[in-house]
Amino acid sequence: MKVKVLILIISLLSSCSNRFEKEKYPKDFFKVIQEGILIEKSYIFCSVVPEEVKYSYRDGTWIFKTVDNKRIAQGSYNKEIVTIDNYGGCSYSYVKNTVNIKEWKFWNDKGQRIEPT
């Protein structure tokens, strides 16, 4: 009897599928393509042994879209220069990106403009 119940449970679990989810969201739906300029920089972090720290930041207009070329978002990143002068033995600066969401445009999966939430 226990074997029959176990077989019944296994068959029920294996017959369940997520067909609804597969139909609702096609393959690669959540993959996002990013287009824009990425700037590579570095700074010297002073310590007992100075070390070069590499980083990158985004510049100009960036576009985010799906693999089938449906636009998701478009906008520019703001740049802020951050200076650290109380850590590591000497001061250093780097560029940090910030975003003003009001300056960006967004689209839904039907290609209609939407407001950010």
PDB file of N, CA and C in Angstrom:
ATOM      1  N   MET A   1       0.820  -1.192   0.000  1.00  0.00           N
ATOM      2  CA  MET A   1       0.000   0.000   0.000  1.00  0.00           C
ATOM      3  C   MET A   1       0.871   1.267   0.000  1.00  0.00           C
ATOM      4  N   LYS A   2       1.950   1.269   0.807  1.00  0.00           N
ATOM      5  CA  LYS A   2       2.825   2.436   0.873  1.00  0.00           C
ATOM      6  C   LYS A   2       3.469   2.717  -0.476  1.00  0.00           C
ATOM      7  N   VAL A   3       3.804   1.665  -1.191  1.00  0.00           N
ATOM      8  CA  VAL A   3       4.432   1.833  -2.499  1.00  0.00           C
ATOM      9  C   VAL A   3       3.444   2.478  -3.472  1.00  0.00           C
ATOM     10  N   LYS A   4       2.171   2.075  -3.434  1.00  0.00           N
ATOM     11  CA  LYS A   4       1.149   2.633  -4.323  1.00  0.00           C
ATOM     12  C   LYS A   4       0.953   4.124  -4.026  1.00  0.00           C
ATOM     13  N   VAL A   5       0.923   4.489  -2.761  1.00  0.00           N
ATOM     14  CA  VAL A   5       0.756   5.900  -2.376  1.00  0.00           C
ATOM     15  C   VAL A   5       1.958   6.707  -2.844  1.00  0.00           C
ATOM     16  N   LEU A   6       3.145   6.159  -2.676  1.00  0.00           N
ATOM     17  CA  LEU A   6       4.361   6.837  -3.112  1.00  0.00           C
ATOM     18  C   LEU A   6       4.360   7.034  -4.625  1.00  0.00           C
ATOM     19  N   ILE A   7       3.972   6.019  -5.367  1.00  0.00           N
ATOM     20  CA  ILE A   7       3.897   6.128  -6.830  1.00  0.00           C
ATOM     21  C   ILE A   7       2.857   7.171  -7.227  1.00  0.00           C
ATOM     22  N   LEU A   8       1.722   7.194  -6.555  1.00  0.00           N
ATOM     23  CA  LEU A   8       0.679   8.183  -6.842  1.00  0.00           C
ATOM     24  C   LEU A   8       1.190   9.598  -6.593  1.00  0.00           C
ATOM     25  N   ILE A   9       1.885   9.821  -5.500  1.00  0.00           N
ATOM     26  CA  ILE A   9       2.423  11.156  -5.177  1.00  0.00           C
ATOM     27  C   ILE A   9       3.463  11.570  -6.208  1.00  0.00           C
ATOM     28  N   ILE A  10       4.355  10.672  -6.577  1.00  0.00           N
ATOM     29  CA  ILE A  10       5.380  10.984  -7.571  1.00  0.00           C
ATOM     30  C   ILE A  10       4.753  11.313  -8.915  1.00  0.00           C
ATOM     31  N   SER A  11       3.738  10.547  -9.319  1.00  0.00           N
ATOM     32  CA  SER A  11       3.091  10.825 -10.608  1.00  0.00           C
ATOM     33  C   SER A  11       2.351  12.151 -10.592  1.00  0.00           C
ATOM     34  N   LEU A  12       1.740  12.503  -9.475  1.00  0.00           N
ATOM     35  CA  LEU A  12       1.062  13.805  -9.382  1.00  0.00           C
ATOM     36  C   LEU A  12       2.055  14.951  -9.467  1.00  0.00           C
ATOM     37  N   LEU A  13       3.159  14.811  -8.762  1.00  0.00           N
ATOM     38  CA  LEU A  13       4.168  15.872  -8.776  1.00  0.00           C
ATOM     39  C   LEU A  13       4.817  16.014 -10.145  1.00  0.00           C
ATOM     40  N   SER A  14       5.083  14.911 -10.802  1.00  0.00           N
ATOM     41  CA  SER A  14       5.744  14.985 -12.106  1.00  0.00           C
ATOM     42  C   SER A  14       4.800  15.442 -13.202  1.00  0.00           C
ATOM     43  N   SER A  15       3.486  15.284 -12.997  1.00  0.00           N
ATOM     44  CA  SER A  15       2.543  15.725 -14.032  1.00  0.00           C
ATOM     45  C   SER A  15       2.250  17.216 -13.929  1.00  0.00           C
ATOM     46  N   CYS A  16       2.591  17.830 -12.799  1.00  0.00           N
ATOM     47  CA  CYS A  16       2.391  19.273 -12.663  1.00  0.00           C
ATOM     48  C   CYS A  16       3.381  19.984 -13.569  1.00  0.00           C
ATOM     49  N   SER A  17       2.934  21.031 -14.185  1.00  0.00           N
ATOM     50  CA  SER A  17       3.843  21.790 -15.038  1.00  0.00           C
ATOM     51  C   SER A  17       3.586  23.271 -14.846  1.00  0.00           C
ATOM     52  N   ASN A  18       4.472  24.044 -15.357  1.00  0.00           N
ATOM     53  CA  ASN A  18       4.305  25.493 -15.295  1.00  0.00           C
ATOM     54  C   ASN A  18       4.065  26.028 -16.704  1.00  0.00           C
ATOM     55  N   ARG A  19       3.195  25.353 -17.454  1.00  0.00           N
ATOM     56  CA  ARG A  19       2.898  25.777 -18.825  1.00  0.00           C
ATOM     57  C   ARG A  19       2.409  27.213 -18.861  1.00  0.00           C
ATOM     58  N   PHE A  20       1.612  27.617 -17.883  1.00  0.00           N
ATOM     59  CA  PHE A  20       1.099  28.983 -17.861  1.00  0.00           C
ATOM     60  C   PHE A  20       2.251  29.983 -17.814  1.00  0.00           C
ATOM     61  N   GLU A  21       3.224  29.724 -16.951  1.00  0.00           N
ATOM     62  CA  GLU A  21       4.360  30.631 -16.845  1.00  0.00           C
ATOM     63  C   GLU A  21       5.183  30.636 -18.125  1.00  0.00           C
ATOM     64  N   LYS A  22       5.370  29.474 -18.746  1.00  0.00           N
ATOM     65  CA  LYS A  22       6.139  29.421 -19.985  1.00  0.00           C
ATOM     66  C   LYS A  22       5.446  30.188 -21.097  1.00  0.00           C
ATOM     67  N   GLU A  23       4.131  30.113 -21.166  1.00  0.00           N
ATOM     68  CA  GLU A  23       3.396  30.844 -22.200  1.00  0.00           C
ATOM     69  C   GLU A  23       3.380  32.339 -21.905  1.00  0.00           C
ATOM     70  N   LYS A  24       3.275  32.694 -20.638  1.00  0.00           N
ATOM     71  CA  LYS A  24       3.206  34.104 -20.269  1.00  0.00           C
ATOM     72  C   LYS A  24       4.534  34.810 -20.505  1.00  0.00           C
ATOM     73  N   TYR A  25       5.627  34.155 -20.172  1.00  0.00           N
ATOM     74  CA  TYR A  25       6.945  34.749 -20.329  1.00  0.00           C
ATOM     75  C   TYR A  25       7.774  33.893 -21.274  1.00  0.00           C
ATOM     76  N   PRO A  26       7.987  34.350 -22.486  1.00  0.00           N
ATOM     77  CA  PRO A  26       8.782  33.567 -23.432  1.00  0.00           C
ATOM     78  C   PRO A  26      10.226  33.408 -22.961  1.00  0.00           C
ATOM     79  N   LYS A  27      10.901  32.437 -23.561  1.00  0.00           N
ATOM     80  CA  LYS A  27      12.298  32.189 -23.225  1.00  0.00           C
ATOM     81  C   LYS A  27      13.105  33.471 -23.421  1.00  0.00           C
ATOM     82  N   ASP A  28      14.031  33.728 -22.535  1.00  0.00           N
ATOM     83  CA  ASP A  28      14.895  34.915 -22.572  1.00  0.00           C
ATOM     84  C   ASP A  28      14.149  36.215 -22.283  1.00  0.00           C
ATOM     85  N   PHE A  29      12.926  36.148 -21.764  1.00  0.00           N
ATOM     86  CA  PHE A  29      12.160  37.368 -21.499  1.00  0.00           C
ATOM     87  C   PHE A  29      12.873  38.263 -20.488  1.00  0.00           C
ATOM     88  N   PHE A  30      13.518  37.666 -19.515  1.00  0.00           N
ATOM     89  CA  PHE A  30      14.133  38.455 -18.457  1.00  0.00           C
ATOM     90  C   PHE A  30      15.591  38.801 -18.727  1.00  0.00           C
ATOM     91  N   LYS A  31      16.126  38.431 -19.879  1.00  0.00           N
ATOM     92  CA  LYS A  31      17.480  38.837 -20.237  1.00  0.00           C
ATOM     93  C   LYS A  31      17.426  40.278 -20.732  1.00  0.00           C
ATOM     94  N   VAL A  32      18.320  41.091 -20.265  1.00  0.00           N
ATOM     95  CA  VAL A  32      18.326  42.510 -20.598  1.00  0.00           C
ATOM     96  C   VAL A  32      19.638  42.862 -21.285  1.00  0.00           C
ATOM     97  N   ILE A  33      19.522  43.610 -22.374  1.00  0.00           N
ATOM     98  CA  ILE A  33      20.684  44.119 -23.082  1.00  0.00           C
ATOM     99  C   ILE A  33      20.890  45.563 -22.650  1.00  0.00           C
ATOM    100  N   GLN A  34      22.110  45.902 -22.308  1.00  0.00           N
ATOM    101  CA  GLN A  34      22.452  47.261 -21.895  1.00  0.00           C
ATOM    102  C   GLN A  34      23.350  47.881 -22.951  1.00  0.00           C
ATOM    103  N   GLU A  35      22.995  49.081 -23.391  1.00  0.00           N
ATOM    104  CA  GLU A  35      23.807  49.782 -24.378  1.00  0.00           C
ATOM    105  C   GLU A  35      24.191  51.140 -23.821  1.00  0.00           C
ATOM    106  N   GLY A  36      25.480  51.420 -23.796  1.00  0.00           N
ATOM    107  CA  GLY A  36      25.966  52.696 -23.316  1.00  0.00           C
ATOM    108  C   GLY A  36      27.478  52.670 -23.199  1.00  0.00           C
ATOM    109  N   ILE A  37      28.024  53.775 -22.736  1.00  0.00           N
ATOM    110  CA  ILE A  37      29.470  53.918 -22.612  1.00  0.00           C
ATOM    111  C   ILE A  37      29.876  53.597 -21.174  1.00  0.00           C
ATOM    112  N   LEU A  38      30.791  52.661 -21.049  1.00  0.00           N
ATOM    113  CA  LEU A  38      31.337  52.284 -19.749  1.00  0.00           C
ATOM    114  C   LEU A  38      32.782  52.757 -19.712  1.00  0.00           C
ATOM    115  N   ILE A  39      33.105  53.586 -18.747  1.00  0.00           N
ATOM    116  CA  ILE A  39      34.452  54.142 -18.635  1.00  0.00           C
ATOM    117  C   ILE A  39      35.205  53.418 -17.522  1.00  0.00           C
ATOM    118  N   GLU A  40      36.364  52.902 -17.868  1.00  0.00           N
ATOM    119  CA  GLU A  40      37.225  52.188 -16.923  1.00  0.00           C
ATOM    120  C   GLU A  40      38.251  53.165 -16.366  1.00  0.00           C
ATOM    121  N   LYS A  41      38.383  53.214 -15.060  1.00  0.00           N
ATOM    122  CA  LYS A  41      39.336  54.108 -14.395  1.00  0.00           C
ATOM    123  C   LYS A  41      40.000  53.348 -13.251  1.00  0.00           C
ATOM    124  N   SER A  42      40.918  54.033 -12.600  1.00  0.00           N
ATOM    125  CA  SER A  42      41.549  53.466 -11.415  1.00  0.00           C
ATOM    126  C   SER A  42      42.020  54.592 -10.506  1.00  0.00           C
ATOM    127  N   TYR A  43      42.265  54.249  -9.270  1.00  0.00           N
ATOM    128  CA  TYR A  43      42.867  55.176  -8.321  1.00  0.00           C
ATOM    129  C   TYR A  43      43.855  54.386  -7.478  1.00  0.00           C
ATOM    130  N   ILE A  44      44.748  55.093  -6.817  1.00  0.00           N
ATOM    131  CA  ILE A  44      45.740  54.449  -5.957  1.00  0.00           C
ATOM    132  C   ILE A  44      45.254  54.533  -4.516  1.00  0.00           C
ATOM    133  N   PHE A  45      45.060  53.374  -3.914  1.00  0.00           N
ATOM    134  CA  PHE A  45      44.698  53.296  -2.505  1.00  0.00           C
ATOM    135  C   PHE A  45      45.984  53.165  -1.712  1.00  0.00           C
ATOM    136  N   CYS A  46      46.254  54.180  -0.907  1.00  0.00           N
ATOM    137  CA  CYS A  46      47.476  54.171  -0.101  1.00  0.00           C
ATOM    138  C   CYS A  46      47.251  53.328   1.147  1.00  0.00           C
ATOM    139  N   SER A  47      48.225  52.579   1.467  1.00  0.00           N
ATOM    140  CA  SER A  47      48.214  51.756   2.664  1.00  0.00           C
ATOM    141  C   SER A  47      49.671  51.445   2.962  1.00  0.00           C
ATOM    142  N   VAL A  48      49.943  50.382   3.671  1.00  0.00           N
ATOM    143  CA  VAL A  48      51.322  49.985   3.894  1.00  0.00           C
ATOM    144  C   VAL A  48      51.975  49.750   2.538  1.00  0.00           C
ATOM    145  N   VAL A  49      51.213  49.119   1.635  1.00  0.00           N
ATOM    146  CA  VAL A  49      51.651  48.911   0.255  1.00  0.00           C
ATOM    147  C   VAL A  49      50.591  49.535  -0.644  1.00  0.00           C
ATOM    148  N   PRO A  50      50.930  50.595  -1.414  1.00  0.00           N
ATOM    149  CA  PRO A  50      49.936  51.208  -2.302  1.00  0.00           C
ATOM    150  C   PRO A  50      49.381  50.184  -3.296  1.00  0.00           C
ATOM    151  N   GLU A  51      48.078  50.309  -3.590  1.00  0.00           N
ATOM    152  CA  GLU A  51      47.416  49.360  -4.476  1.00  0.00           C
ATOM    153  C   GLU A  51      46.543  50.112  -5.476  1.00  0.00           C
ATOM    154  N   GLU A  52      46.646  49.722  -6.742  1.00  0.00           N
ATOM    155  CA  GLU A  52      45.789  50.304  -7.766  1.00  0.00           C
ATOM    156  C   GLU A  52      44.434  49.594  -7.725  1.00  0.00           C
ATOM    157  N   VAL A  53      43.365  50.383  -7.595  1.00  0.00           N
ATOM    158  CA  VAL A  53      42.008  49.837  -7.554  1.00  0.00           C
ATOM    159  C   VAL A  53      41.304  50.245  -8.841  1.00  0.00           C
ATOM    160  N   LYS A  54      40.884  49.251  -9.618  1.00  0.00           N
ATOM    161  CA  LYS A  54      40.192  49.520 -10.877  1.00  0.00           C
ATOM    162  C   LYS A  54      38.687  49.552 -10.627  1.00  0.00           C
ATOM    163  N   TYR A  55      37.993  50.445 -11.341  1.00  0.00           N
ATOM    164  CA  TYR A  55      36.545  50.538 -11.239  1.00  0.00           C
ATOM    165  C   TYR A  55      36.016  51.077 -12.567  1.00  0.00           C
ATOM    166  N   SER A  56      34.717  51.082 -12.714  1.00  0.00           N
ATOM    167  CA  SER A  56      34.103  51.623 -13.921  1.00  0.00           C
ATOM    168  C   SER A  56      32.854  52.405 -13.545  1.00  0.00           C
ATOM    169  N   TYR A  57      32.475  53.309 -14.430  1.00  0.00           N
ATOM    170  CA  TYR A  57      31.228  54.042 -14.251  1.00  0.00           C
ATOM    171  C   TYR A  57      30.588  54.260 -15.612  1.00  0.00           C
ATOM    172  N   ARG A  58      29.301  54.573 -15.602  1.00  0.00           N
ATOM    173  CA  ARG A  58      28.535  54.737 -16.834  1.00  0.00           C
ATOM    174  C   ARG A  58      28.470  56.207 -17.228  1.00  0.00           C
ATOM    175  N   ASP A  59      28.565  56.445 -18.544  1.00  0.00           N
ATOM    176  CA  ASP A  59      28.581  57.810 -19.053  1.00  0.00           C
ATOM    177  C   ASP A  59      27.582  57.922 -20.203  1.00  0.00           C
ATOM    178  N   GLY A  60      26.988  59.082 -20.350  1.00  0.00           N
ATOM    179  CA  GLY A  60      26.078  59.321 -21.468  1.00  0.00           C
ATOM    180  C   GLY A  60      24.741  58.620 -21.300  1.00  0.00           C
ATOM    181  N   THR A  61      24.021  58.517 -22.406  1.00  0.00           N
ATOM    182  CA  THR A  61      22.696  57.899 -22.405  1.00  0.00           C
ATOM    183  C   THR A  61      22.826  56.380 -22.472  1.00  0.00           C
ATOM    184  N   TRP A  62      22.060  55.719 -21.643  1.00  0.00           N
ATOM    185  CA  TRP A  62      22.023  54.263 -21.616  1.00  0.00           C
ATOM    186  C   TRP A  62      20.639  53.784 -22.004  1.00  0.00           C
ATOM    187  N   ILE A  63      20.596  52.680 -22.734  1.00  0.00           N
ATOM    188  CA  ILE A  63      19.334  52.071 -23.153  1.00  0.00           C
ATOM    189  C   ILE A  63      19.324  50.628 -22.650  1.00  0.00           C
ATOM    190  N   PHE A  64      18.217  50.233 -22.057  1.00  0.00           N
ATOM    191  CA  PHE A  64      18.011  48.863 -21.607  1.00  0.00           C
ATOM    192  C   PHE A  64      16.864  48.296 -22.416  1.00  0.00           C
ATOM    193  N   LYS A  65      17.068  47.101 -23.004  1.00  0.00           N
ATOM    194  CA  LYS A  65      16.025  46.494 -23.824  1.00  0.00           C
ATOM    195  C   LYS A  65      16.093  44.980 -23.709  1.00  0.00           C
ATOM    196  N   THR A  66      15.028  44.335 -24.183  1.00  0.00           N
ATOM    197  CA  THR A  66      14.980  42.881 -24.172  1.00  0.00           C
ATOM    198  C   THR A  66      15.758  42.343 -25.358  1.00  0.00           C
ATOM    199  N   VAL A  67      15.959  41.036 -25.386  1.00  0.00           N
ATOM    200  CA  VAL A  67      16.697  40.430 -26.484  1.00  0.00           C
ATOM    201  C   VAL A  67      15.963  40.561 -27.808  1.00  0.00           C
ATOM    202  N   ASP A  68      14.627  40.752 -27.770  1.00  0.00           N
ATOM    203  CA  ASP A  68      13.885  40.952 -29.018  1.00  0.00           C
ATOM    204  C   ASP A  68      13.687  42.445 -29.308  1.00  0.00           C
ATOM    205  N   ASN A  69      14.573  43.271 -28.763  1.00  0.00           N
ATOM    206  CA  ASN A  69      14.669  44.704 -29.086  1.00  0.00           C
ATOM    207  C   ASN A  69      13.514  45.556 -28.561  1.00  0.00           C
ATOM    208  N   LYS A  70      12.810  45.110 -27.528  1.00  0.00           N
ATOM    209  CA  LYS A  70      11.771  45.938 -26.911  1.00  0.00           C
ATOM    210  C   LYS A  70      12.435  46.800 -25.846  1.00  0.00           C
ATOM    211  N   ARG A  71      12.268  48.098 -25.977  1.00  0.00           N
ATOM    212  CA  ARG A  71      12.890  49.034 -25.050  1.00  0.00           C
ATOM    213  C   ARG A  71      12.227  48.931 -23.679  1.00  0.00           C
ATOM    214  N   ILE A  72      13.062  48.934 -22.628  1.00  0.00           N
ATOM    215  CA  ILE A  72      12.587  48.873 -21.248  1.00  0.00           C
ATOM    216  C   ILE A  72      12.791  50.224 -20.567  1.00  0.00           C
ATOM    217  N   ALA A  73      13.991  50.787 -20.723  1.00  0.00           N
ATOM    218  CA  ALA A  73      14.317  52.051 -20.057  1.00  0.00           C
ATOM    219  C   ALA A  73      15.396  52.775 -20.842  1.00  0.00           C
ATOM    220  N   GLN A  74      15.403  54.098 -20.667  1.00  0.00           N
ATOM    221  CA  GLN A  74      16.437  54.926 -21.299  1.00  0.00           C
ATOM    222  C   GLN A  74      16.658  56.153 -20.437  1.00  0.00           C
ATOM    223  N   GLY A  75      17.924  56.485 -20.240  1.00  0.00           N
ATOM    224  CA  GLY A  75      18.250  57.666 -19.463  1.00  0.00           C
ATOM    225  C   GLY A  75      19.740  57.824 -19.277  1.00  0.00           C
ATOM    226  N   SER A  76      20.100  58.894 -18.615  1.00  0.00           N
ATOM    227  CA  SER A  76      21.505  59.193 -18.366  1.00  0.00           C
ATOM    228  C   SER A  76      21.811  59.070 -16.881  1.00  0.00           C
ATOM    229  N   TYR A  77      23.015  58.592 -16.615  1.00  0.00           N
ATOM    230  CA  TYR A  77      23.499  58.526 -15.246  1.00  0.00           C
ATOM    231  C   TYR A  77      24.176  59.843 -14.904  1.00  0.00           C
ATOM    232  N   ASN A  78      23.971  60.306 -13.700  1.00  0.00           N
ATOM    233  CA  ASN A  78      24.696  61.467 -13.200  1.00  0.00           C
ATOM    234  C   ASN A  78      26.031  60.979 -12.649  1.00  0.00           C
ATOM    235  N   LYS A  79      27.015  61.861 -12.675  1.00  0.00           N
ATOM    236  CA  LYS A  79      28.338  61.514 -12.145  1.00  0.00           C
ATOM    237  C   LYS A  79      28.627  62.395 -10.934  1.00  0.00           C
ATOM    238  N   GLU A  80      29.173  61.781  -9.937  1.00  0.00           N
ATOM    239  CA  GLU A  80      29.558  62.486  -8.718  1.00  0.00           C
ATOM    240  C   GLU A  80      30.980  62.086  -8.378  1.00  0.00           C
ATOM    241  N   ILE A  81      31.832  63.060  -8.110  1.00  0.00           N
ATOM    242  CA  ILE A  81      33.209  62.757  -7.712  1.00  0.00           C
ATOM    243  C   ILE A  81      33.238  62.632  -6.193  1.00  0.00           C
ATOM    244  N   VAL A  82      33.692  61.486  -5.739  1.00  0.00           N
ATOM    245  CA  VAL A  82      33.786  61.203  -4.312  1.00  0.00           C
ATOM    246  C   VAL A  82      35.263  61.240  -3.936  1.00  0.00           C
ATOM    247  N   THR A  83      35.586  62.032  -2.914  1.00  0.00           N
ATOM    248  CA  THR A  83      36.956  62.119  -2.426  1.00  0.00           C
ATOM    249  C   THR A  83      37.010  61.547  -1.013  1.00  0.00           C
ATOM    250  N   ILE A  84      37.911  60.620  -0.832  1.00  0.00           N
ATOM    251  CA  ILE A  84      38.128  60.008   0.477  1.00  0.00           C
ATOM    252  C   ILE A  84      39.476  60.523   0.987  1.00  0.00           C
ATOM    253  N   ASP A  85      39.453  61.193   2.132  1.00  0.00           N
ATOM    254  CA  ASP A  85      40.704  61.732   2.653  1.00  0.00           C
ATOM    255  C   ASP A  85      40.981  61.307   4.090  1.00  0.00           C
ATOM    256  N   ASN A  86      40.198  60.363   4.590  1.00  0.00           N
ATOM    257  CA  ASN A  86      40.400  59.954   5.981  1.00  0.00           C
ATOM    258  C   ASN A  86      40.577  58.442   6.115  1.00  0.00           C
ATOM    259  N   TYR A  87      41.068  57.809   5.044  1.00  0.00           N
ATOM    260  CA  TYR A  87      41.202  56.354   5.074  1.00  0.00           C
ATOM    261  C   TYR A  87      42.345  55.931   4.170  1.00  0.00           C
ATOM    262  N   GLY A  88      43.208  55.104   4.644  1.00  0.00           N
ATOM    263  CA  GLY A  88      44.261  54.537   3.804  1.00  0.00           C
ATOM    264  C   GLY A  88      45.569  55.296   3.801  1.00  0.00           C
ATOM    265  N   GLY A  89      45.650  56.440   4.425  1.00  0.00           N
ATOM    266  CA  GLY A  89      46.928  57.134   4.503  1.00  0.00           C
ATOM    267  C   GLY A  89      47.089  58.298   3.546  1.00  0.00           C
ATOM    268  N   CYS A  90      46.349  58.337   2.459  1.00  0.00           N
ATOM    269  CA  CYS A  90      46.372  59.489   1.555  1.00  0.00           C
ATOM    270  C   CYS A  90      44.997  59.612   0.899  1.00  0.00           C
ATOM    271  N   SER A  91      44.705  60.775   0.357  1.00  0.00           N
ATOM    272  CA  SER A  91      43.384  60.967  -0.250  1.00  0.00           C
ATOM    273  C   SER A  91      43.356  60.387  -1.659  1.00  0.00           C
ATOM    274  N   TYR A  92      42.166  59.982  -2.064  1.00  0.00           N
ATOM    275  CA  TYR A  92      41.946  59.504  -3.424  1.00  0.00           C
ATOM    276  C   TYR A  92      40.521  59.851  -3.825  1.00  0.00           C
ATOM    277  N   SER A  93      40.273  59.913  -5.110  1.00  0.00           N
ATOM    278  CA  SER A  93      38.949  60.254  -5.630  1.00  0.00           C
ATOM    279  C   SER A  93      38.523  59.236  -6.675  1.00  0.00           C
ATOM    280  N   TYR A  94      37.225  59.068  -6.792  1.00  0.00           N
ATOM    281  CA  TYR A  94      36.668  58.212  -7.827  1.00  0.00           C
ATOM    282  C   TYR A  94      35.316  58.771  -8.257  1.00  0.00           C
ATOM    283  N   VAL A  95      34.845  58.322  -9.413  1.00  0.00           N
ATOM    284  CA  VAL A  95      33.562  58.773  -9.955  1.00  0.00           C
ATOM    285  C   VAL A  95      32.502  57.741  -9.593  1.00  0.00           C
ATOM    286  N   LYS A  96      31.394  58.234  -9.068  1.00  0.00           N
ATOM    287  CA  LYS A  96      30.287  57.384  -8.655  1.00  0.00           C
ATOM    288  C   LYS A  96      29.053  57.788  -9.462  1.00  0.00           C
ATOM    289  N   ASN A  97      28.290  56.806  -9.953  1.00  0.00           N
ATOM    290  CA  ASN A  97      27.057  57.094 -10.677  1.00  0.00           C
ATOM    291  C   ASN A  97      25.890  57.238  -9.720  1.00  0.00           C
ATOM    292  N   THR A  98      25.004  58.175 -10.046  1.00  0.00           N
ATOM    293  CA  THR A  98      23.726  58.309  -9.370  1.00  0.00           C
ATOM    294  C   THR A  98      22.652  58.407 -10.450  1.00  0.00           C
ATOM    295  N   VAL A  99      21.403  58.216 -10.047  1.00  0.00           N
ATOM    296  CA  VAL A  99      20.288  58.243 -10.998  1.00  0.00           C
ATOM    297  C   VAL A  99      19.196  59.143 -10.455  1.00  0.00           C
ATOM    298  N   ASN A 100      18.697  60.021 -11.328  1.00  0.00           N
ATOM    299  CA  ASN A 100      17.488  60.778 -11.016  1.00  0.00           C
ATOM    300  C   ASN A 100      16.371  60.111 -11.818  1.00  0.00           C
ATOM    301  N   ILE A 101      15.538  59.345 -11.157  1.00  0.00           N
ATOM    302  CA  ILE A 101      14.521  58.534 -11.827  1.00  0.00           C
ATOM    303  C   ILE A 101      13.554  59.385 -12.657  1.00  0.00           C
ATOM    304  N   LYS A 102      13.404  60.652 -12.293  1.00  0.00           N
ATOM    305  CA  LYS A 102      12.504  61.544 -13.035  1.00  0.00           C
ATOM    306  C   LYS A 102      13.046  61.888 -14.423  1.00  0.00           C
ATOM    307  N   GLU A 103      14.339  61.694 -14.627  1.00  0.00           N
ATOM    308  CA  GLU A 103      14.956  62.000 -15.916  1.00  0.00           C
ATOM    309  C   GLU A 103      15.004  60.791 -16.845  1.00  0.00           C
ATOM    310  N   TRP A 104      14.450  59.673 -16.428  1.00  0.00           N
ATOM    311  CA  TRP A 104      14.476  58.452 -17.219  1.00  0.00           C
ATOM    312  C   TRP A 104      13.103  58.188 -17.846  1.00  0.00           C
ATOM    313  N   LYS A 105      13.092  57.421 -18.935  1.00  0.00           N
ATOM    314  CA  LYS A 105      11.861  56.992 -19.586  1.00  0.00           C
ATOM    315  C   LYS A 105      11.763  55.475 -19.449  1.00  0.00           C
ATOM    316  N   PHE A 106      10.525  54.990 -19.283  1.00  0.00           N
ATOM    317  CA  PHE A 106      10.298  53.557 -19.110  1.00  0.00           C
ATOM    318  C   PHE A 106       9.162  53.099 -20.017  1.00  0.00           C
ATOM    319  N   TRP A 107       9.236  51.820 -20.452  1.00  0.00           N
ATOM    320  CA  TRP A 107       8.212  51.236 -21.304  1.00  0.00           C
ATOM    321  C   TRP A 107       7.791  49.886 -20.736  1.00  0.00           C
ATOM    322  N   ASN A 108       6.520  49.520 -20.959  1.00  0.00           N
ATOM    323  CA  ASN A 108       6.057  48.196 -20.552  1.00  0.00           C
ATOM    324  C   ASN A 108       6.336  47.187 -21.660  1.00  0.00           C
ATOM    325  N   ASP A 109       5.910  45.939 -21.449  1.00  0.00           N
ATOM    326  CA  ASP A 109       6.203  44.894 -22.440  1.00  0.00           C
ATOM    327  C   ASP A 109       5.403  45.041 -23.737  1.00  0.00           C
ATOM    328  N   LYS A 110       4.452  45.978 -23.761  1.00  0.00           N
ATOM    329  CA  LYS A 110       3.687  46.270 -24.983  1.00  0.00           C
ATOM    330  C   LYS A 110       4.253  47.461 -25.733  1.00  0.00           C
ATOM    331  N   GLY A 111       5.340  48.051 -25.224  1.00  0.00           N
ATOM    332  CA  GLY A 111       5.955  49.190 -25.865  1.00  0.00           C
ATOM    333  C   GLY A 111       5.333  50.536 -25.514  1.00  0.00           C
ATOM    334  N   GLN A 112       4.471  50.566 -24.501  1.00  0.00           N
ATOM    335  CA  GLN A 112       3.806  51.791 -24.077  1.00  0.00           C
ATOM    336  C   GLN A 112       4.619  52.478 -22.976  1.00  0.00           C
ATOM    337  N   ARG A 113       4.726  53.802 -23.051  1.00  0.00           N
ATOM    338  CA  ARG A 113       5.433  54.559 -22.008  1.00  0.00           C
ATOM    339  C   ARG A 113       4.696  54.399 -20.687  1.00  0.00           C
ATOM    340  N   ILE A 114       5.456  54.219 -19.627  1.00  0.00           N
ATOM    341  CA  ILE A 114       4.878  54.082 -18.285  1.00  0.00           C
ATOM    342  C   ILE A 114       5.660  54.973 -17.315  1.00  0.00           C
ATOM    343  N   GLU A 115       5.025  55.302 -16.222  1.00  0.00           N
ATOM    344  CA  GLU A 115       5.663  56.071 -15.170  1.00  0.00           C
ATOM    345  C   GLU A 115       6.320  55.090 -14.193  1.00  0.00           C
ATOM    346  N   PRO A 116       7.479  55.439 -13.654  1.00  0.00           N
ATOM    347  CA  PRO A 116       8.115  54.540 -12.690  1.00  0.00           C
ATOM    348  C   PRO A 116       7.299  54.453 -11.411  1.00  0.00           C
ATOM    349  N   THR A 117       7.330  53.296 -10.785  1.00  0.00           N
ATOM    350  CA  THR A 117       6.614  53.107  -9.520  1.00  0.00           C
ATOM    351  C   THR A 117       7.580  52.701  -8.437  1.00  0.00           C
TER     352      THR A 117
END
